[in-house]
Amino acid sequence: MAKEDMKPIQYRFWFWLIALIIFLIFLYFYAPFEKYLVASIPNIHFSNVLFWFASLVGMLSFIVAHWQSFKNHIISPGSELDVNGLVFDTLQTAILVAVIFCAGATLQAVEKLAEHLMGLGNIMDRSFGSTLVSIIILVILTVLFYLLHYVVRAFRDGWHTRRPPTHIR
């Protein structure tokens, strides 16, 4: 595509992105929406907003990445049907979304631990230990999902060993 063909698409993307941001800011400050949200979705509070934000980012990224992969591998004009590519792309995207979910839950647990440590009362109690163990487990899960992403990539692309470059004399 020529650069002239891409400009309307880029302007349209930025227009909708800015419109979405303005709409979300409006909803953030609109009190009836907050009341509706809290009444409609149980257990949503401002104390766990980090996890809800990570969940939203993970879901949106999965939708966008899957659509791009579907468009490139299935409905792209002039290309063959590439179901294997779609499956591997979707699997990699799902694993990266799991990394986003685990990272968001880890941030939420760290925030909960910091809130517990700043609060008055006993510091070393059952809540402290359970939160600390959950942080450790979530970090381990995040690392494992990230490594699984590389394993899936290696199965798709083939394993390339890293060798030092040969020196020419």
Protein backbone atom coordinates (compact mmCIF):
# COMPACT_ATOMS: atom_id res chain seq x y z
CA MET A 1 0.00 0.00 0.00
CA ALA A 2 1.09 3.51 -0.70
CA LYS A 3 1.53 6.04 2.09
CA GLU A 4 -1.47 7.99 0.85
CA ASP A 5 -3.69 4.92 1.35
CA MET A 6 -2.53 4.45 4.95
CA LYS A 7 -3.21 7.99 6.20
CA PRO A 8 -7.01 7.72 6.47
CA ILE A 9 -6.67 4.42 8.34
CA GLN A 10 -4.13 5.91 10.77
CA TYR A 11 -6.27 9.00 11.38
CA ARG A 12 -9.32 6.85 11.92
CA PHE A 13 -7.44 4.68 14.45
CA TRP A 14 -6.19 7.67 16.43
CA PHE A 15 -9.62 9.31 16.33
CA TRP A 16 -11.29 6.21 17.79
CA LEU A 17 -8.55 5.73 20.35
CA ILE A 18 -8.87 9.31 21.63
CA ALA A 19 -12.68 9.01 21.60
CA LEU A 20 -12.44 5.81 23.66
CA ILE A 21 -10.10 7.46 26.18
CA ILE A 22 -12.44 10.46 26.54
CA PHE A 23 -15.40 8.10 26.99
CA LEU A 24 -13.58 6.10 29.67
CA ILE A 25 -12.59 9.29 31.51
CA PHE A 26 -16.23 10.40 31.38
CA LEU A 27 -17.38 7.06 32.79
CA TYR A 28 -14.76 7.24 35.54
CA PHE A 29 -16.16 10.53 36.84
CA TYR A 30 -19.84 9.74 36.19
CA ALA A 31 -21.24 8.75 39.61
CA PRO A 32 -24.37 6.86 38.40
CA PHE A 33 -22.16 4.58 36.30
CA GLU A 34 -20.02 3.80 39.34
CA LYS A 35 -23.13 2.95 41.37
CA TYR A 36 -24.46 0.76 38.55
CA LEU A 37 -21.12 -1.01 38.15
CA VAL A 38 -20.73 -1.71 41.87
CA ALA A 39 -24.35 -2.92 42.13
CA SER A 40 -24.18 -5.08 38.98
CA ILE A 41 -20.82 -6.81 39.39
CA PRO A 42 -20.34 -8.38 42.82
CA ASN A 43 -16.96 -8.07 44.51
CA ILE A 44 -15.75 -5.16 42.38
CA HIS A 45 -14.17 -2.52 44.55
CA PHE A 46 -11.50 0.07 44.16
CA SER A 47 -9.18 -2.13 46.23
CA ASN A 48 -8.94 -4.68 43.38
CA VAL A 49 -8.98 -2.27 40.45
CA LEU A 50 -5.47 -3.31 39.36
CA PHE A 51 -6.59 -6.86 38.68
CA TRP A 52 -9.72 -5.68 36.85
CA PHE A 53 -7.59 -3.37 34.70
CA ALA A 54 -5.14 -6.19 33.90
CA SER A 55 -8.09 -8.44 33.04
CA LEU A 56 -9.52 -5.81 30.70
CA VAL A 57 -6.14 -5.28 29.02
CA GLY A 58 -5.66 -9.03 28.67
CA MET A 59 -9.08 -9.57 27.10
CA LEU A 60 -8.74 -6.65 24.69
CA SER A 61 -5.23 -7.69 23.68
CA PHE A 62 -6.42 -11.25 23.04
CA ILE A 63 -9.30 -10.02 20.89
CA VAL A 64 -7.13 -7.65 18.86
CA ALA A 65 -4.26 -10.12 18.43
CA HIS A 66 -6.60 -12.96 17.47
CA TRP A 67 -8.37 -10.77 14.94
CA GLN A 68 -5.04 -9.70 13.40
CA SER A 69 -3.90 -13.31 13.23
CA PHE A 70 -7.22 -14.41 11.74
CA LYS A 71 -7.02 -11.63 9.17
CA ASN A 72 -3.43 -12.52 8.22
CA HIS A 73 -3.82 -16.31 8.08
CA ILE A 74 -7.40 -16.92 6.97
CA ILE A 75 -9.07 -14.02 5.16
CA SER A 76 -6.03 -12.30 3.68
CA PRO A 77 -6.54 -11.90 -0.08
CA GLY A 78 -4.00 -13.69 -2.22
CA SER A 79 -2.74 -16.01 0.49
CA GLU A 80 -3.38 -19.63 1.22
CA LEU A 81 -5.31 -20.88 4.21
CA ASP A 82 -2.81 -21.19 7.06
CA VAL A 83 -4.60 -22.87 9.96
CA ASN A 84 -1.37 -23.96 11.66
CA GLY A 85 -0.18 -20.36 11.76
CA LEU A 86 -3.51 -19.26 13.23
CA VAL A 87 -3.37 -21.97 15.90
CA PHE A 88 0.20 -21.14 16.93
CA ASP A 89 -0.51 -17.40 16.96
CA THR A 90 -3.62 -17.93 19.08
CA LEU A 91 -1.73 -20.21 21.46
CA GLN A 92 1.10 -17.69 21.84
CA THR A 93 -1.41 -14.89 22.39
CA ALA A 94 -3.31 -16.91 25.00
CA ILE A 95 -0.07 -17.63 26.87
CA LEU A 96 0.92 -13.95 26.81
CA VAL A 97 -2.55 -13.02 28.10
CA ALA A 98 -1.97 -15.50 30.94
CA VAL A 99 1.26 -13.62 31.66
CA ILE A 100 -0.73 -10.36 31.76
CA PHE A 101 -3.30 -11.90 34.13
CA CYS A 102 -0.62 -13.28 36.45
CA ALA A 103 1.30 -10.00 36.42
CA GLY A 104 -1.88 -8.07 37.22
CA ALA A 105 -2.72 -10.43 40.07
CA THR A 106 0.85 -10.11 41.34
CA LEU A 107 0.61 -6.32 41.34
CA GLN A 108 -2.71 -6.54 43.16
CA ALA A 109 -1.20 -8.88 45.77
CA VAL A 110 1.81 -6.58 46.25
CA GLU A 111 -0.58 -3.66 46.73
CA LYS A 112 -2.56 -5.69 49.27
CA LEU A 113 0.65 -6.61 51.12
CA ALA A 114 1.80 -2.98 51.18
CA GLU A 115 -1.60 -1.92 52.51
CA HIS A 116 -1.35 -4.59 55.21
CA LEU A 117 2.16 -3.49 56.21
CA MET A 118 1.15 0.17 56.46
CA GLY A 119 -1.95 -0.61 58.50
CA LEU A 120 -2.05 -0.58 62.24
CA GLY A 121 -1.99 -3.84 64.12
CA ASN A 122 -0.02 -7.05 63.85
CA ILE A 123 2.42 -7.15 60.98
CA MET A 124 3.33 -10.83 61.09
CA ASP A 125 0.04 -12.67 61.00
CA ARG A 126 -1.87 -15.12 58.86
CA SER A 127 -2.88 -12.49 56.28
CA PHE A 128 0.74 -11.41 55.79
CA GLY A 129 1.92 -14.98 55.22
CA SER A 130 -0.86 -15.90 52.82
CA THR A 131 -0.34 -12.74 50.78
CA LEU A 132 3.41 -13.30 50.65
CA VAL A 133 2.97 -16.91 49.52
CA SER A 134 0.48 -15.82 46.85
CA ILE A 135 2.98 -13.25 45.53
CA ILE A 136 5.69 -15.91 45.29
CA ILE A 137 3.38 -18.37 43.54
CA LEU A 138 2.12 -15.71 41.10
CA VAL A 139 5.68 -14.67 40.21
CA ILE A 140 6.59 -18.31 39.57
CA LEU A 141 3.47 -18.75 37.41
CA THR A 142 4.30 -15.60 35.45
CA VAL A 143 7.83 -16.83 34.73
CA LEU A 144 6.55 -20.30 33.77
CA PHE A 145 3.98 -18.87 31.35
CA TYR A 146 6.64 -16.63 29.82
CA LEU A 147 8.97 -19.60 29.33
CA LEU A 148 6.08 -21.61 27.87
CA HIS A 149 5.63 -18.80 25.34
CA TYR A 150 9.22 -19.35 24.16
CA VAL A 151 8.70 -23.10 23.97
CA VAL A 152 5.64 -22.64 21.75
CA ARG A 153 7.60 -20.21 19.59
CA ALA A 154 10.41 -22.76 19.29
CA PHE A 155 7.96 -25.45 18.16
CA ARG A 156 6.55 -23.11 15.53
CA ASP A 157 9.73 -21.60 14.15
CA GLY A 158 12.13 -24.42 14.93
CA TRP A 159 14.83 -24.34 17.51
CA HIS A 160 17.74 -22.08 16.56
CA THR A 161 20.85 -22.54 18.64
CA ARG A 162 22.78 -19.43 19.37
CA ARG A 163 26.32 -19.75 18.17
CA PRO A 164 28.97 -17.11 18.34
CA PRO A 165 29.80 -15.63 14.96
CA THR A 166 32.82 -17.06 13.22
CA HIS A 167 35.80 -14.79 12.99
CA ILE A 168 37.24 -14.29 9.53
CA ARG A 169 40.97 -13.70 9.45
